[in-house]
Amino acid sequence: MKLLGIVGWSGSGKTTLIERLLPCLIARGITVSTVKRSHHGFDVDTEGKDSWRHRKAGAHEVMVASERRWALMRENREGGEITLETLLARMTPVDLILVEGFTGHTHPRIEVWRAAEGKPLRAGDDPGLLAVAAPGADHHAGAAHPWLDLDDTEAVASFIEAWLRQG
């Protein structure tokens, strides 16, 4: 499985880009999964439901399943960071995993950047940076990394597909 990070400042459009890329990549025959790092507490469960009650009662893991999907929730009561490798080991192999967050990991990445935000490139001279996706990116020709037009999802998907085929 190849990992590709989608990084950028909060509000830059990382999630939107991933949401638009998924159908484009899948239409090209690429199997894709995602991993999202949250810096906030989150809950995928609903208070009062059976699975929530199981977790609150102390279950280490709770799996919820239906005919259409299943989800496994694991409590991390000891605290501490969960490594990306630990999470990936639990996933079914696919061609590509798009990773949002986990910026301390060394996987290759595309940065989503908007000049209007007035912030520097987050990845800067990061050796794992493959490209920058920004609105109207063509004016950055000759830059150290390719600049992709953030609004041209097919072009970004083509860049990713070519990168995947490189091995």
N, C-alpha and C. Protein backbone atom coordinates (compact mmCIF):
# COMPACT_ATOMS: atom_id res chain seq x y z
N MET A 1 0.85 -1.18 0.00
CA MET A 1 0.00 0.00 0.00
C MET A 1 0.89 1.23 0.00
N LYS A 2 0.54 2.18 -0.84
CA LYS A 2 1.27 3.44 -0.85
C LYS A 2 0.48 4.47 -0.06
N LEU A 3 1.22 5.28 0.69
CA LEU A 3 0.61 6.35 1.46
C LEU A 3 0.87 7.67 0.76
N LEU A 4 -0.14 8.53 0.76
CA LEU A 4 0.02 9.88 0.25
C LEU A 4 -0.69 10.82 1.21
N GLY A 5 0.08 11.70 1.81
CA GLY A 5 -0.50 12.66 2.73
C GLY A 5 -1.08 13.85 1.99
N ILE A 6 -2.19 14.34 2.49
CA ILE A 6 -2.77 15.60 2.02
C ILE A 6 -2.65 16.53 3.22
N VAL A 7 -1.75 17.51 3.13
CA VAL A 7 -1.44 18.38 4.27
C VAL A 7 -1.78 19.82 3.93
N GLY A 8 -1.81 20.65 4.94
CA GLY A 8 -2.07 22.07 4.76
C GLY A 8 -2.61 22.66 6.04
N TRP A 9 -2.73 23.95 6.06
CA TRP A 9 -3.26 24.65 7.22
C TRP A 9 -4.73 24.30 7.40
N SER A 10 -5.23 24.43 8.60
CA SER A 10 -6.65 24.21 8.89
C SER A 10 -7.48 25.15 8.01
N GLY A 11 -8.49 24.60 7.38
CA GLY A 11 -9.38 25.39 6.53
C GLY A 11 -8.88 25.59 5.11
N SER A 12 -7.76 24.96 4.75
CA SER A 12 -7.20 25.16 3.41
C SER A 12 -7.94 24.38 2.32
N GLY A 13 -8.69 23.35 2.71
CA GLY A 13 -9.44 22.56 1.73
C GLY A 13 -8.95 21.14 1.58
N LYS A 14 -8.23 20.62 2.57
CA LYS A 14 -7.72 19.25 2.50
C LYS A 14 -8.85 18.23 2.36
N THR A 15 -9.83 18.32 3.23
CA THR A 15 -10.93 17.35 3.21
C THR A 15 -11.73 17.46 1.91
N THR A 16 -11.95 18.68 1.45
CA THR A 16 -12.68 18.88 0.20
C THR A 16 -11.93 18.25 -0.97
N LEU A 17 -10.60 18.43 -1.01
CA LEU A 17 -9.81 17.82 -2.07
C LEU A 17 -9.92 16.30 -2.02
N ILE A 18 -9.78 15.72 -0.84
CA ILE A 18 -9.90 14.26 -0.71
C ILE A 18 -11.28 13.80 -1.17
N GLU A 19 -12.30 14.50 -0.76
CA GLU A 19 -13.67 14.16 -1.14
C GLU A 19 -13.85 14.18 -2.66
N ARG A 20 -13.22 15.13 -3.34
CA ARG A 20 -13.32 15.21 -4.80
C ARG A 20 -12.41 14.19 -5.49
N LEU A 21 -11.25 13.89 -4.88
CA LEU A 21 -10.32 12.94 -5.48
C LEU A 21 -10.83 11.50 -5.46
N LEU A 22 -11.50 11.12 -4.39
CA LEU A 22 -11.91 9.72 -4.24
C LEU A 22 -12.66 9.18 -5.46
N PRO A 23 -13.74 9.81 -5.93
CA PRO A 23 -14.42 9.23 -7.10
C PRO A 23 -13.55 9.25 -8.36
N CYS A 24 -12.67 10.25 -8.52
CA CYS A 24 -11.79 10.31 -9.69
C CYS A 24 -10.80 9.15 -9.69
N LEU A 25 -10.19 8.90 -8.54
CA LEU A 25 -9.21 7.82 -8.44
C LEU A 25 -9.88 6.45 -8.58
N ILE A 26 -11.03 6.29 -7.95
CA ILE A 26 -11.76 5.02 -8.02
C ILE A 26 -12.19 4.74 -9.46
N ALA A 27 -12.61 5.77 -10.19
CA ALA A 27 -13.00 5.60 -11.60
C ALA A 27 -11.83 5.15 -12.46
N ARG A 28 -10.61 5.40 -12.02
CA ARG A 28 -9.41 4.99 -12.73
C ARG A 28 -8.96 3.58 -12.31
N GLY A 29 -9.76 2.91 -11.48
CA GLY A 29 -9.45 1.55 -11.06
C GLY A 29 -8.51 1.46 -9.88
N ILE A 30 -8.31 2.56 -9.16
CA ILE A 30 -7.42 2.59 -8.01
C ILE A 30 -8.25 2.36 -6.75
N THR A 31 -7.87 1.39 -5.94
CA THR A 31 -8.57 1.19 -4.66
C THR A 31 -7.96 2.13 -3.63
N VAL A 32 -8.82 2.85 -2.93
CA VAL A 32 -8.36 3.92 -2.04
C VAL A 32 -9.07 3.82 -0.70
N SER A 33 -8.30 3.99 0.36
CA SER A 33 -8.84 4.15 1.71
C SER A 33 -8.28 5.46 2.26
N THR A 34 -8.82 5.90 3.37
CA THR A 34 -8.35 7.14 3.98
C THR A 34 -8.10 6.94 5.47
N VAL A 35 -7.18 7.74 6.00
CA VAL A 35 -6.94 7.83 7.44
C VAL A 35 -6.95 9.31 7.77
N LYS A 36 -7.71 9.69 8.75
CA LYS A 36 -7.82 11.09 9.17
C LYS A 36 -7.39 11.21 10.62
N ARG A 37 -6.43 12.08 10.89
CA ARG A 37 -5.99 12.35 12.25
C ARG A 37 -6.78 13.53 12.78
N SER A 38 -7.38 13.35 13.94
CA SER A 38 -8.12 14.43 14.58
C SER A 38 -7.35 14.89 15.80
N HIS A 39 -7.24 16.19 15.95
CA HIS A 39 -6.56 16.74 17.13
C HIS A 39 -7.55 17.01 18.25
N HIS A 40 -8.78 16.67 18.02
CA HIS A 40 -9.82 16.92 19.01
C HIS A 40 -10.43 15.59 19.41
N GLY A 41 -11.05 15.56 20.56
CA GLY A 41 -11.80 14.36 20.91
C GLY A 41 -12.93 14.21 19.91
N PHE A 42 -13.28 13.02 19.55
CA PHE A 42 -14.38 12.82 18.63
C PHE A 42 -15.14 11.58 19.04
N ASP A 43 -16.32 11.46 18.57
CA ASP A 43 -17.14 10.29 18.87
C ASP A 43 -17.92 9.92 17.62
N VAL A 44 -17.80 8.67 17.18
CA VAL A 44 -18.57 8.20 16.04
C VAL A 44 -19.83 7.50 16.50
N ASP A 45 -20.00 7.45 17.79
CA ASP A 45 -21.13 6.76 18.39
C ASP A 45 -22.19 7.77 18.80
N THR A 46 -23.38 7.29 19.09
CA THR A 46 -24.48 8.15 19.53
C THR A 46 -24.82 7.82 20.98
N GLU A 47 -24.82 8.87 21.78
CA GLU A 47 -25.12 8.69 23.20
C GLU A 47 -26.44 7.96 23.39
N GLY A 48 -26.42 6.97 24.28
CA GLY A 48 -27.62 6.22 24.60
C GLY A 48 -27.81 4.95 23.78
N LYS A 49 -27.17 4.86 22.59
CA LYS A 49 -27.30 3.66 21.77
C LYS A 49 -26.54 2.50 22.43
N ASP A 50 -26.89 1.28 22.05
CA ASP A 50 -26.29 0.10 22.69
C ASP A 50 -24.77 0.11 22.61
N SER A 51 -24.21 0.42 21.43
CA SER A 51 -22.76 0.40 21.29
C SER A 51 -22.11 1.45 22.18
N TRP A 52 -22.72 2.62 22.32
CA TRP A 52 -22.23 3.67 23.22
C TRP A 52 -22.25 3.17 24.66
N ARG A 53 -23.33 2.49 25.01
CA ARG A 53 -23.46 1.96 26.37
C ARG A 53 -22.39 0.90 26.63
N HIS A 54 -22.09 0.06 25.64
CA HIS A 54 -21.03 -0.95 25.78
C HIS A 54 -19.69 -0.27 26.05
N ARG A 55 -19.35 0.76 25.28
CA ARG A 55 -18.09 1.48 25.47
C ARG A 55 -18.02 2.13 26.84
N LYS A 56 -19.09 2.80 27.23
CA LYS A 56 -19.13 3.50 28.51
C LYS A 56 -19.04 2.52 29.68
N ALA A 57 -19.49 1.29 29.45
CA ALA A 57 -19.43 0.28 30.51
C ALA A 57 -18.04 -0.33 30.62
N GLY A 58 -17.13 -0.01 29.65
CA GLY A 58 -15.76 -0.45 29.79
C GLY A 58 -15.21 -1.38 28.72
N ALA A 59 -15.99 -1.68 27.68
CA ALA A 59 -15.47 -2.56 26.63
C ALA A 59 -14.22 -1.96 26.00
N HIS A 60 -13.22 -2.78 25.77
CA HIS A 60 -11.98 -2.34 25.14
C HIS A 60 -12.24 -2.02 23.67
N GLU A 61 -12.98 -2.89 22.99
CA GLU A 61 -13.38 -2.67 21.60
C GLU A 61 -14.87 -2.96 21.48
N VAL A 62 -15.51 -2.20 20.61
CA VAL A 62 -16.92 -2.44 20.29
C VAL A 62 -17.04 -2.44 18.78
N MET A 63 -17.62 -3.49 18.22
CA MET A 63 -17.85 -3.54 16.79
C MET A 63 -19.35 -3.45 16.56
N VAL A 64 -19.72 -2.58 15.62
CA VAL A 64 -21.11 -2.42 15.22
C VAL A 64 -21.19 -2.86 13.77
N ALA A 65 -22.16 -3.69 13.45
CA ALA A 65 -22.25 -4.22 12.09
C ALA A 65 -23.68 -4.24 11.60
N SER A 66 -23.81 -4.00 10.30
CA SER A 66 -25.11 -4.13 9.63
C SER A 66 -24.84 -4.78 8.28
N GLU A 67 -25.87 -4.85 7.47
CA GLU A 67 -25.72 -5.45 6.14
C GLU A 67 -24.85 -4.58 5.24
N ARG A 68 -24.76 -3.29 5.51
CA ARG A 68 -24.09 -2.35 4.62
C ARG A 68 -22.70 -1.90 5.08
N ARG A 69 -22.41 -1.95 6.39
CA ARG A 69 -21.11 -1.50 6.88
C ARG A 69 -20.85 -2.04 8.27
N TRP A 70 -19.60 -1.92 8.67
CA TRP A 70 -19.26 -2.24 10.05
C TRP A 70 -18.22 -1.24 10.52
N ALA A 71 -18.17 -1.05 11.80
CA ALA A 71 -17.20 -0.12 12.39
C ALA A 71 -16.67 -0.73 13.68
N LEU A 72 -15.38 -0.56 13.87
CA LEU A 72 -14.74 -1.04 15.09
C LEU A 72 -14.24 0.19 15.85
N MET A 73 -14.68 0.31 17.08
CA MET A 73 -14.22 1.40 17.94
C MET A 73 -13.36 0.81 19.04
N ARG A 74 -12.20 1.39 19.23
CA ARG A 74 -11.30 0.92 20.27
C ARG A 74 -11.00 2.09 21.20
N GLU A 75 -11.14 1.84 22.47
CA GLU A 75 -10.84 2.87 23.46
C GLU A 75 -9.33 2.89 23.71
N ASN A 76 -8.79 4.05 23.87
CA ASN A 76 -7.37 4.24 24.16
C ASN A 76 -7.27 4.84 25.57
N ARG A 77 -7.68 4.07 26.52
CA ARG A 77 -7.78 4.57 27.89
C ARG A 77 -6.42 4.92 28.51
N GLU A 78 -5.35 4.33 27.96
CA GLU A 78 -4.02 4.65 28.47
C GLU A 78 -3.56 6.00 27.99
N GLY A 79 -4.21 6.55 26.97
CA GLY A 79 -3.79 7.82 26.39
C GLY A 79 -2.58 7.61 25.51
N GLY A 80 -2.00 8.68 25.07
CA GLY A 80 -0.82 8.61 24.21
C GLY A 80 -1.19 8.54 22.75
N GLU A 81 -0.24 8.89 21.93
CA GLU A 81 -0.44 8.94 20.48
C GLU A 81 -0.55 7.54 19.89
N ILE A 82 -1.49 7.35 19.01
CA ILE A 82 -1.61 6.12 18.23
C ILE A 82 -0.78 6.33 16.97
N THR A 83 0.12 5.42 16.67
CA THR A 83 0.97 5.61 15.49
C THR A 83 0.21 5.28 14.22
N LEU A 84 0.63 5.91 13.16
CA LEU A 84 0.05 5.63 11.85
C LEU A 84 0.26 4.16 11.48
N GLU A 85 1.43 3.62 11.81
CA GLU A 85 1.71 2.20 11.50
C GLU A 85 0.73 1.27 12.21
N THR A 86 0.38 1.59 13.44
CA THR A 86 -0.59 0.78 14.19
C THR A 86 -1.94 0.78 13.49
N LEU A 87 -2.36 1.95 13.05
CA LEU A 87 -3.65 2.06 12.36
C LEU A 87 -3.63 1.34 11.02
N LEU A 88 -2.56 1.53 10.27
CA LEU A 88 -2.46 0.91 8.94
C LEU A 88 -2.47 -0.61 9.03
N ALA A 89 -1.90 -1.17 10.09
CA ALA A 89 -1.86 -2.61 10.27
C ALA A 89 -3.26 -3.21 10.40
N ARG A 90 -4.24 -2.40 10.78
CA ARG A 90 -5.60 -2.88 10.96
C ARG A 90 -6.44 -2.74 9.69
N MET A 91 -5.88 -2.11 8.65
CA MET A 91 -6.64 -1.84 7.43
C MET A 91 -6.43 -2.92 6.38
N THR A 92 -7.45 -3.12 5.57
CA THR A 92 -7.37 -4.04 4.45
C THR A 92 -6.47 -3.41 3.38
N PRO A 93 -5.56 -4.18 2.78
CA PRO A 93 -4.68 -3.61 1.76
C PRO A 93 -5.45 -3.04 0.57
N VAL A 94 -4.99 -1.89 0.12
CA VAL A 94 -5.52 -1.20 -1.07
C VAL A 94 -4.34 -0.64 -1.85
N ASP A 95 -4.61 -0.04 -3.01
CA ASP A 95 -3.55 0.57 -3.80
C ASP A 95 -2.98 1.82 -3.14
N LEU A 96 -3.88 2.62 -2.53
CA LEU A 96 -3.49 3.93 -2.03
C LEU A 96 -4.26 4.26 -0.76
N ILE A 97 -3.55 4.79 0.22
CA ILE A 97 -4.21 5.34 1.41
C ILE A 97 -3.90 6.83 1.43
N LEU A 98 -4.95 7.64 1.39
CA LEU A 98 -4.80 9.08 1.53
C LEU A 98 -4.83 9.39 3.02
N VAL A 99 -3.83 10.10 3.49
CA VAL A 99 -3.67 10.39 4.91
C VAL A 99 -3.84 11.88 5.13
N GLU A 100 -4.81 12.24 5.94
CA GLU A 100 -4.99 13.64 6.32
C GLU A 100 -4.55 13.77 7.77
N GLY A 101 -3.53 14.57 7.98
CA GLY A 101 -2.94 14.67 9.31
C GLY A 101 -1.69 13.82 9.38
N PHE A 102 -1.26 13.46 10.58
CA PHE A 102 -0.03 12.71 10.80
C PHE A 102 1.14 13.40 10.09
N THR A 103 1.23 14.71 10.25
CA THR A 103 2.25 15.48 9.55
C THR A 103 3.68 15.16 10.01
N GLY A 104 3.83 14.53 11.16
CA GLY A 104 5.16 14.14 11.63
C GLY A 104 5.68 12.88 10.98
N HIS A 105 4.84 12.17 10.25
CA HIS A 105 5.23 10.94 9.57
C HIS A 105 5.95 11.30 8.28
N THR A 106 6.80 10.41 7.78
CA THR A 106 7.64 10.73 6.62
C THR A 106 7.06 10.34 5.27
N HIS A 107 5.80 9.98 5.19
CA HIS A 107 5.22 9.58 3.90
C HIS A 107 5.19 10.77 2.93
N PRO A 108 5.17 10.49 1.62
CA PRO A 108 5.07 11.56 0.62
C PRO A 108 3.76 12.33 0.81
N ARG A 109 3.78 13.61 0.37
CA ARG A 109 2.60 14.44 0.61
C ARG A 109 2.41 15.48 -0.49
N ILE A 110 1.15 15.88 -0.60
CA ILE A 110 0.75 17.03 -1.42
C ILE A 110 0.21 18.07 -0.45
N GLU A 111 0.68 19.30 -0.59
CA GLU A 111 0.18 20.36 0.28
C GLU A 111 -0.91 21.16 -0.42
N VAL A 112 -2.01 21.37 0.28
CA VAL A 112 -3.07 22.25 -0.18
C VAL A 112 -2.76 23.63 0.39
N TRP A 113 -2.65 24.62 -0.47
CA TRP A 113 -2.21 25.95 -0.04
C TRP A 113 -3.01 27.03 -0.75
N ARG A 114 -3.35 28.06 -0.01
CA ARG A 114 -4.08 29.20 -0.58
C ARG A 114 -3.36 30.49 -0.19
N ALA A 115 -2.91 31.24 -1.18
CA ALA A 115 -2.21 32.50 -0.94
C ALA A 115 -3.08 33.45 -0.13
N ALA A 116 -4.39 33.40 -0.34
CA ALA A 116 -5.31 34.31 0.33
C ALA A 116 -5.28 34.15 1.85
N GLU A 117 -4.82 33.01 2.33
CA GLU A 117 -4.75 32.79 3.78
C GLU A 117 -3.60 33.57 4.41
N GLY A 118 -2.65 33.99 3.59
CA GLY A 118 -1.52 34.77 4.09
C GLY A 118 -0.55 33.97 4.94
N LYS A 119 -0.53 32.67 4.78
CA LYS A 119 0.38 31.82 5.56
C LYS A 119 1.42 31.21 4.63
N PRO A 120 2.60 30.89 5.17
CA PRO A 120 3.63 30.26 4.34
C PRO A 120 3.24 28.81 4.04
N LEU A 121 3.95 28.22 3.11
CA LEU A 121 3.75 26.80 2.86
C LEU A 121 4.05 26.05 4.14
N ARG A 122 3.16 25.17 4.52
CA ARG A 122 3.35 24.39 5.75
C ARG A 122 4.50 23.39 5.59
N ALA A 123 4.56 22.74 4.42
CA ALA A 123 5.57 21.72 4.19
C ALA A 123 6.94 22.34 3.89
N GLY A 124 6.95 23.57 3.40
CA GLY A 124 8.22 24.26 3.14
C GLY A 124 9.18 23.44 2.32
N ASP A 125 10.36 23.15 2.88
CA ASP A 125 11.37 22.37 2.16
C ASP A 125 11.33 20.90 2.56
N ASP A 126 10.19 20.43 3.00
CA ASP A 126 10.01 19.03 3.39
C ASP A 126 10.41 18.12 2.23
N PRO A 127 11.37 17.19 2.45
CA PRO A 127 11.79 16.30 1.37
C PRO A 127 10.69 15.36 0.89
N GLY A 128 9.64 15.16 1.69
CA GLY A 128 8.54 14.31 1.28
C GLY A 128 7.49 15.02 0.43
N LEU A 129 7.64 16.33 0.25
CA LEU A 129 6.67 17.09 -0.52
C LEU A 129 6.79 16.75 -2.00
N LEU A 130 5.70 16.23 -2.57
CA LEU A 130 5.68 15.90 -4.00
C LEU A 130 5.20 17.06 -4.84
N ALA A 131 4.20 17.80 -4.32
CA ALA A 131 3.59 18.88 -5.10
C ALA A 131 2.79 19.78 -4.18
N VAL A 132 2.43 20.93 -4.69
CA VAL A 132 1.55 21.86 -4.00
C VAL A 132 0.32 22.02 -4.86
N ALA A 133 -0.85 21.91 -4.24
CA ALA A 133 -2.12 22.13 -4.94
C ALA A 133 -2.68 23.46 -4.46
N ALA A 134 -2.83 24.40 -5.39
CA ALA A 134 -3.31 25.74 -5.06
C ALA A 134 -4.18 26.25 -6.19
N PRO A 135 -5.13 27.14 -5.87
CA PRO A 135 -5.95 27.71 -6.95
C PRO A 135 -5.06 28.45 -7.96
N GLY A 136 -5.30 28.20 -9.24
CA GLY A 136 -4.54 28.88 -10.29
C GLY A 136 -3.05 28.62 -10.21
N ALA A 137 -2.66 27.39 -9.96
CA ALA A 137 -1.27 27.05 -9.66
C ALA A 137 -0.32 27.21 -10.85
N ASP A 138 -0.84 27.44 -12.05
CA ASP A 138 0.04 27.47 -13.22
C ASP A 138 1.06 28.62 -13.16
N HIS A 139 0.82 29.65 -12.36
CA HIS A 139 1.77 30.75 -12.30
C HIS A 139 3.02 30.42 -11.47
N HIS A 140 3.11 29.22 -10.97
CA HIS A 140 4.28 28.80 -10.19
C HIS A 140 5.19 27.88 -10.99
N ALA A 141 5.10 27.95 -12.31
CA ALA A 141 5.96 27.12 -13.16
C ALA A 141 7.43 27.41 -12.81
N GLY A 142 8.23 26.38 -12.80
CA GLY A 142 9.65 26.53 -12.49
C GLY A 142 9.96 26.45 -11.00
N ALA A 143 8.96 26.24 -10.16
CA ALA A 143 9.18 26.10 -8.72
C ALA A 143 9.87 24.77 -8.44
N ALA A 144 10.38 24.61 -7.22
CA ALA A 144 11.10 23.39 -6.84
C ALA A 144 10.23 22.15 -6.92
N HIS A 145 8.93 22.29 -6.68
CA HIS A 145 7.99 21.17 -6.74
C HIS A 145 6.89 21.53 -7.74
N PRO A 146 6.27 20.52 -8.35
CA PRO A 146 5.15 20.83 -9.24
C PRO A 146 4.03 21.54 -8.47
N TRP A 147 3.40 22.48 -9.11
CA TRP A 147 2.22 23.15 -8.56
C TRP A 147 1.02 22.69 -9.38
N LEU A 148 0.04 22.17 -8.70
CA LEU A 148 -1.17 21.63 -9.33
C LEU A 148 -2.33 22.59 -9.08
N ASP A 149 -3.22 22.68 -10.05
CA ASP A 149 -4.39 23.54 -9.88
C ASP A 149 -5.39 22.83 -8.98
N LEU A 150 -5.59 23.37 -7.80
CA LEU A 150 -6.49 22.79 -6.81
C LEU A 150 -7.90 22.62 -7.35
N ASP A 151 -8.29 23.47 -8.28
CA ASP A 151 -9.65 23.42 -8.83
C ASP A 151 -9.78 22.44 -10.00
N ASP A 152 -8.69 21.81 -10.40
CA ASP A 152 -8.71 20.82 -11.48
C ASP A 152 -8.45 19.44 -10.88
N THR A 153 -9.51 18.86 -10.32
CA THR A 153 -9.39 17.58 -9.62
C THR A 153 -8.85 16.49 -10.52
N GLU A 154 -9.26 16.47 -11.78
CA GLU A 154 -8.77 15.44 -12.71
C GLU A 154 -7.26 15.54 -12.90
N ALA A 155 -6.73 16.76 -12.95
CA ALA A 155 -5.28 16.94 -13.10
C ALA A 155 -4.54 16.46 -11.84
N VAL A 156 -5.10 16.75 -10.67
CA VAL A 156 -4.49 16.27 -9.43
C VAL A 156 -4.54 14.74 -9.40
N ALA A 157 -5.67 14.16 -9.80
CA ALA A 157 -5.80 12.70 -9.84
C ALA A 157 -4.80 12.10 -10.83
N SER A 158 -4.59 12.75 -11.97
CA SER A 158 -3.61 12.26 -12.95
C SER A 158 -2.20 12.29 -12.38
N PHE A 159 -1.87 13.34 -11.64
CA PHE A 159 -0.56 13.43 -10.98
C PHE A 159 -0.37 12.28 -10.01
N ILE A 160 -1.41 12.01 -9.20
CA ILE A 160 -1.34 10.92 -8.22
C ILE A 160 -1.22 9.57 -8.92
N GLU A 161 -2.00 9.37 -9.99
CA GLU A 161 -1.95 8.12 -10.72
C GLU A 161 -0.55 7.89 -11.30
N ALA A 162 0.04 8.92 -11.88
CA ALA A 162 1.40 8.80 -12.43
C ALA A 162 2.39 8.48 -11.32
N TRP A 163 2.25 9.13 -10.18
CA TRP A 163 3.14 8.85 -9.03
C TRP A 163 3.00 7.39 -8.58
N LEU A 164 1.76 6.89 -8.53
CA LEU A 164 1.53 5.49 -8.13
C LEU A 164 2.21 4.53 -9.10
N ARG A 165 2.16 4.82 -10.37
CA ARG A 165 2.71 3.93 -11.39
C ARG A 165 4.24 3.92 -11.40
N GLN A 166 4.85 4.94 -10.79
CA GLN A 166 6.31 4.99 -10.72
C GLN A 166 6.88 3.88 -9.82
N GLY A 167 6.02 3.29 -9.04
CA GLY A 167 6.49 2.17 -8.22
C GLY A 167 6.49 2.50 -6.82
